[in-house]
Amino acid sequence: MSDRNQGYQVVLKVGFEDRAALDAYKANTEHHACSAFIRSVGRLDGIVIDIEI
């Protein structure tokens, strides 16, 4: 177990067709707005894992 887990209770699992779709998601203004909202309600950090299969 990672010592970084800090009791996280939410997981967002997203699949993309290709790298270009992932890059578009990362740059999307709605994605950034959602991230800002999550930070505004108290979640200051998270763990991001990108796995290409």
PDB file of N, CA and C in Angstrom:
ATOM      1  N   MET A   1       0.828  -1.181   0.000  1.00  0.00           N
ATOM      2  CA  MET A   1       0.000   0.000   0.000  1.00  0.00           C
ATOM      3  C   MET A   1       0.873   1.245   0.000  1.00  0.00           C
ATOM      4  N   SER A   2       0.451   2.204  -0.761  1.00  0.00           N
ATOM      5  CA  SER A   2       1.154   3.475  -0.806  1.00  0.00           C
ATOM      6  C   SER A   2       0.890   4.262   0.469  1.00  0.00           C
ATOM      7  N   ASP A   3       1.887   4.969   0.939  1.00  0.00           N
ATOM      8  CA  ASP A   3       1.665   5.830   2.088  1.00  0.00           C
ATOM      9  C   ASP A   3       1.080   7.175   1.659  1.00  0.00           C
ATOM     10  N   ARG A   4       0.811   7.337   0.355  1.00  0.00           N
ATOM     11  CA  ARG A   4       0.213   8.567  -0.166  1.00  0.00           C
ATOM     12  C   ARG A   4      -1.306   8.490  -0.228  1.00  0.00           C
ATOM     13  N   ASN A   5      -1.926   7.381   0.139  1.00  0.00           N
ATOM     14  CA  ASN A   5      -3.354   7.219  -0.113  1.00  0.00           C
ATOM     15  C   ASN A   5      -4.233   8.183   0.670  1.00  0.00           C
ATOM     16  N   GLN A   6      -3.839   8.631   1.814  1.00  0.00           N
ATOM     17  CA  GLN A   6      -4.540   9.641   2.591  1.00  0.00           C
ATOM     18  C   GLN A   6      -6.038   9.370   2.735  1.00  0.00           C
ATOM     19  N   GLY A   7      -6.450   8.136   2.658  1.00  0.00           N
ATOM     20  CA  GLY A   7      -7.849   7.800   2.847  1.00  0.00           C
ATOM     21  C   GLY A   7      -8.762   8.188   1.696  1.00  0.00           C
ATOM     22  N   TYR A   8      -8.228   8.245   0.496  1.00  0.00           N
ATOM     23  CA  TYR A   8      -9.052   8.622  -0.658  1.00  0.00           C
ATOM     24  C   TYR A   8     -10.281   7.726  -0.758  1.00  0.00           C
ATOM     25  N   GLN A   9     -11.408   8.316  -1.137  1.00  0.00           N
ATOM     26  CA  GLN A   9     -12.655   7.583  -1.226  1.00  0.00           C
ATOM     27  C   GLN A   9     -13.295   7.666  -2.607  1.00  0.00           C
ATOM     28  N   VAL A  10     -12.667   8.354  -3.529  1.00  0.00           N
ATOM     29  CA  VAL A  10     -13.240   8.551  -4.854  1.00  0.00           C
ATOM     30  C   VAL A  10     -12.218   8.152  -5.912  1.00  0.00           C
ATOM     31  N   VAL A  11     -12.695   7.453  -6.931  1.00  0.00           N
ATOM     32  CA  VAL A  11     -11.853   7.061  -8.053  1.00  0.00           C
ATOM     33  C   VAL A  11     -12.536   7.518  -9.335  1.00  0.00           C
ATOM     34  N   LEU A  12     -11.777   8.103 -10.227  1.00  0.00           N
ATOM     35  CA  LEU A  12     -12.270   8.428 -11.560  1.00  0.00           C
ATOM     36  C   LEU A  12     -11.461   7.595 -12.536  1.00  0.00           C
ATOM     37  N   LYS A  13     -12.131   6.661 -13.188  1.00  0.00           N
ATOM     38  CA  LYS A  13     -11.477   5.800 -14.162  1.00  0.00           C
ATOM     39  C   LYS A  13     -12.018   6.171 -15.535  1.00  0.00           C
ATOM     40  N   VAL A  14     -11.125   6.551 -16.433  1.00  0.00           N
ATOM     41  CA  VAL A  14     -11.530   7.009 -17.755  1.00  0.00           C
ATOM     42  C   VAL A  14     -10.690   6.271 -18.793  1.00  0.00           C
ATOM     43  N   GLY A  15     -11.350   5.795 -19.846  1.00  0.00           N
ATOM     44  CA  GLY A  15     -10.645   5.135 -20.947  1.00  0.00           C
ATOM     45  C   GLY A  15     -10.697   6.006 -22.195  1.00  0.00           C
ATOM     46  N   PHE A  16      -9.629   6.010 -22.951  1.00  0.00           N
ATOM     47  CA  PHE A  16      -9.557   6.808 -24.171  1.00  0.00           C
ATOM     48  C   PHE A  16      -9.166   5.932 -25.349  1.00  0.00           C
ATOM     49  N   GLU A  17      -9.641   6.301 -26.502  1.00  0.00           N
ATOM     50  CA  GLU A  17      -9.383   5.537 -27.724  1.00  0.00           C
ATOM     51  C   GLU A  17      -7.912   5.573 -28.125  1.00  0.00           C
ATOM     52  N   ASP A  18      -7.268   6.719 -27.887  1.00  0.00           N
ATOM     53  CA  ASP A  18      -5.850   6.858 -28.253  1.00  0.00           C
ATOM     54  C   ASP A  18      -5.235   8.015 -27.474  1.00  0.00           C
ATOM     55  N   ARG A  19      -3.952   8.232 -27.671  1.00  0.00           N
ATOM     56  CA  ARG A  19      -3.217   9.281 -26.959  1.00  0.00           C
ATOM     57  C   ARG A  19      -3.791  10.668 -27.272  1.00  0.00           C
ATOM     58  N   ALA A  20      -4.206  10.892 -28.502  1.00  0.00           N
ATOM     59  CA  ALA A  20      -4.769  12.185 -28.894  1.00  0.00           C
ATOM     60  C   ALA A  20      -6.031  12.494 -28.089  1.00  0.00           C
ATOM     61  N   ALA A  21      -6.851  11.489 -27.842  1.00  0.00           N
ATOM     62  CA  ALA A  21      -8.071  11.686 -27.050  1.00  0.00           C
ATOM     63  C   ALA A  21      -7.719  12.028 -25.599  1.00  0.00           C
ATOM     64  N   LEU A  22      -6.711  11.379 -25.055  1.00  0.00           N
ATOM     65  CA  LEU A  22      -6.252  11.693 -23.699  1.00  0.00           C
ATOM     66  C   LEU A  22      -5.750  13.133 -23.636  1.00  0.00           C
ATOM     67  N   ASP A  23      -4.952  13.523 -24.610  1.00  0.00           N
ATOM     68  CA  ASP A  23      -4.418  14.886 -24.646  1.00  0.00           C
ATOM     69  C   ASP A  23      -5.538  15.915 -24.753  1.00  0.00           C
ATOM     70  N   ALA A  24      -6.560  15.614 -25.545  1.00  0.00           N
ATOM     71  CA  ALA A  24      -7.697  16.527 -25.678  1.00  0.00           C
ATOM     72  C   ALA A  24      -8.438  16.648 -24.348  1.00  0.00           C
ATOM     73  N   TYR A  25      -8.597  15.539 -23.642  1.00  0.00           N
ATOM     74  CA  TYR A  25      -9.254  15.546 -22.332  1.00  0.00           C
ATOM     75  C   TYR A  25      -8.475  16.415 -21.347  1.00  0.00           C
ATOM     76  N   LYS A  26      -7.168  16.244 -21.322  1.00  0.00           N
ATOM     77  CA  LYS A  26      -6.334  17.006 -20.393  1.00  0.00           C
ATOM     78  C   LYS A  26      -6.422  18.507 -20.656  1.00  0.00           C
ATOM     79  N   ALA A  27      -6.599  18.889 -21.917  1.00  0.00           N
ATOM     80  CA  ALA A  27      -6.641  20.309 -22.291  1.00  0.00           C
ATOM     81  C   ALA A  27      -8.051  20.905 -22.210  1.00  0.00           C
ATOM     82  N   ASN A  28      -9.068  20.074 -22.024  1.00  0.00           N
ATOM     83  CA  ASN A  28     -10.458  20.524 -22.059  1.00  0.00           C
ATOM     84  C   ASN A  28     -10.775  21.471 -20.905  1.00  0.00           C
ATOM     85  N   THR A  29     -11.439  22.589 -21.211  1.00  0.00           N
ATOM     86  CA  THR A  29     -11.753  23.581 -20.181  1.00  0.00           C
ATOM     87  C   THR A  29     -12.725  23.024 -19.134  1.00  0.00           C
ATOM     88  N   GLU A  30     -13.623  22.134 -19.522  1.00  0.00           N
ATOM     89  CA  GLU A  30     -14.550  21.544 -18.548  1.00  0.00           C
ATOM     90  C   GLU A  30     -13.807  20.634 -17.571  1.00  0.00           C
ATOM     91  N   HIS A  31     -12.796  19.937 -18.064  1.00  0.00           N
ATOM     92  CA  HIS A  31     -11.959  19.104 -17.191  1.00  0.00           C
ATOM     93  C   HIS A  31     -11.271  19.990 -16.155  1.00  0.00           C
ATOM     94  N   HIS A  32     -10.727  21.119 -16.588  1.00  0.00           N
ATOM     95  CA  HIS A  32     -10.049  22.038 -15.664  1.00  0.00           C
ATOM     96  C   HIS A  32     -11.036  22.655 -14.676  1.00  0.00           C
ATOM     97  N   ALA A  33     -12.244  22.962 -15.124  1.00  0.00           N
ATOM     98  CA  ALA A  33     -13.267  23.503 -14.225  1.00  0.00           C
ATOM     99  C   ALA A  33     -13.652  22.483 -13.164  1.00  0.00           C
ATOM    100  N   CYS A  34     -13.773  21.232 -13.558  1.00  0.00           N
ATOM    101  CA  CYS A  34     -14.099  20.161 -12.607  1.00  0.00           C
ATOM    102  C   CYS A  34     -12.978  20.006 -11.577  1.00  0.00           C
ATOM    103  N   SER A  35     -11.747  20.031 -12.039  1.00  0.00           N
ATOM    104  CA  SER A  35     -10.605  19.938 -11.123  1.00  0.00           C
ATOM    105  C   SER A  35     -10.605  21.095 -10.138  1.00  0.00           C
ATOM    106  N   ALA A  36     -10.896  22.294 -10.624  1.00  0.00           N
ATOM    107  CA  ALA A  36     -10.945  23.470  -9.749  1.00  0.00           C
ATOM    108  C   ALA A  36     -12.043  23.324  -8.708  1.00  0.00           C
ATOM    109  N   PHE A  37     -13.201  22.788  -9.104  1.00  0.00           N
ATOM    110  CA  PHE A  37     -14.285  22.578  -8.159  1.00  0.00           C
ATOM    111  C   PHE A  37     -13.871  21.592  -7.072  1.00  0.00           C
ATOM    112  N   ILE A  38     -13.245  20.509  -7.465  1.00  0.00           N
ATOM    113  CA  ILE A  38     -12.816  19.498  -6.493  1.00  0.00           C
ATOM    114  C   ILE A  38     -11.847  20.123  -5.490  1.00  0.00           C
ATOM    115  N   ARG A  39     -10.915  20.940  -5.960  1.00  0.00           N
ATOM    116  CA  ARG A  39      -9.995  21.624  -5.045  1.00  0.00           C
ATOM    117  C   ARG A  39     -10.748  22.598  -4.140  1.00  0.00           C
ATOM    118  N   SER A  40     -11.783  23.266  -4.671  1.00  0.00           N
ATOM    119  CA  SER A  40     -12.509  24.268  -3.892  1.00  0.00           C
ATOM    120  C   SER A  40     -13.299  23.667  -2.733  1.00  0.00           C
ATOM    121  N   VAL A  41     -13.633  22.384  -2.826  1.00  0.00           N
ATOM    122  CA  VAL A  41     -14.379  21.742  -1.738  1.00  0.00           C
ATOM    123  C   VAL A  41     -13.476  20.963  -0.804  1.00  0.00           C
ATOM    124  N   GLY A  42     -12.167  21.166  -0.943  1.00  0.00           N
ATOM    125  CA  GLY A  42     -11.261  20.627   0.060  1.00  0.00           C
ATOM    126  C   GLY A  42     -10.271  19.584  -0.377  1.00  0.00           C
ATOM    127  N   ARG A  43     -10.420  19.005  -1.556  1.00  0.00           N
ATOM    128  CA  ARG A  43      -9.442  18.009  -1.987  1.00  0.00           C
ATOM    129  C   ARG A  43      -8.284  18.749  -2.643  1.00  0.00           C
ATOM    130  N   LEU A  44      -7.133  18.741  -1.995  1.00  0.00           N
ATOM    131  CA  LEU A  44      -6.006  19.526  -2.478  1.00  0.00           C
ATOM    132  C   LEU A  44      -5.030  18.740  -3.334  1.00  0.00           C
ATOM    133  N   ASP A  45      -5.120  17.433  -3.292  1.00  0.00           N
ATOM    134  CA  ASP A  45      -4.193  16.639  -4.074  1.00  0.00           C
ATOM    135  C   ASP A  45      -4.873  15.378  -4.578  1.00  0.00           C
ATOM    136  N   GLY A  46      -4.171  14.637  -5.370  1.00  0.00           N
ATOM    137  CA  GLY A  46      -4.682  13.387  -5.904  1.00  0.00           C
ATOM    138  C   GLY A  46      -3.549  12.600  -6.517  1.00  0.00           C
ATOM    139  N   ILE A  47      -3.873  11.451  -6.997  1.00  0.00           N
ATOM    140  CA  ILE A  47      -2.896  10.601  -7.665  1.00  0.00           C
ATOM    141  C   ILE A  47      -3.399  10.353  -9.074  1.00  0.00           C
ATOM    142  N   VAL A  48      -2.568  10.627 -10.050  1.00  0.00           N
ATOM    143  CA  VAL A  48      -2.916  10.414 -11.449  1.00  0.00           C
ATOM    144  C   VAL A  48      -2.016   9.322 -12.001  1.00  0.00           C
ATOM    145  N   ILE A  49      -2.626   8.351 -12.652  1.00  0.00           N
ATOM    146  CA  ILE A  49      -1.873   7.267 -13.279  1.00  0.00           C
ATOM    147  C   ILE A  49      -2.361   7.113 -14.700  1.00  0.00           C
ATOM    148  N   ASP A  50      -1.475   7.312 -15.657  1.00  0.00           N
ATOM    149  CA  ASP A  50      -1.791   7.090 -17.062  1.00  0.00           C
ATOM    150  C   ASP A  50      -1.116   5.788 -17.490  1.00  0.00           C
ATOM    151  N   ILE A  51      -1.920   4.839 -17.929  1.00  0.00           N
ATOM    152  CA  ILE A  51      -1.393   3.540 -18.358  1.00  0.00           C
ATOM    153  C   ILE A  51      -1.799   3.316 -19.797  1.00  0.00           C
ATOM    154  N   GLU A  52      -0.824   3.089 -20.652  1.00  0.00           N
ATOM    155  CA  GLU A  52      -1.119   2.814 -22.050  1.00  0.00           C
ATOM    156  C   GLU A  52      -1.040   1.313 -22.281  1.00  0.00           C
ATOM    157  N   ILE A  53      -2.161   0.732 -22.757  1.00  0.00           N
ATOM    158  CA  ILE A  53      -2.165  -0.709 -23.000  1.00  0.00           C
ATOM    159  C   ILE A  53      -2.517  -1.002 -24.450  1.00  0.00           C
TER     160      ILE A  53
END
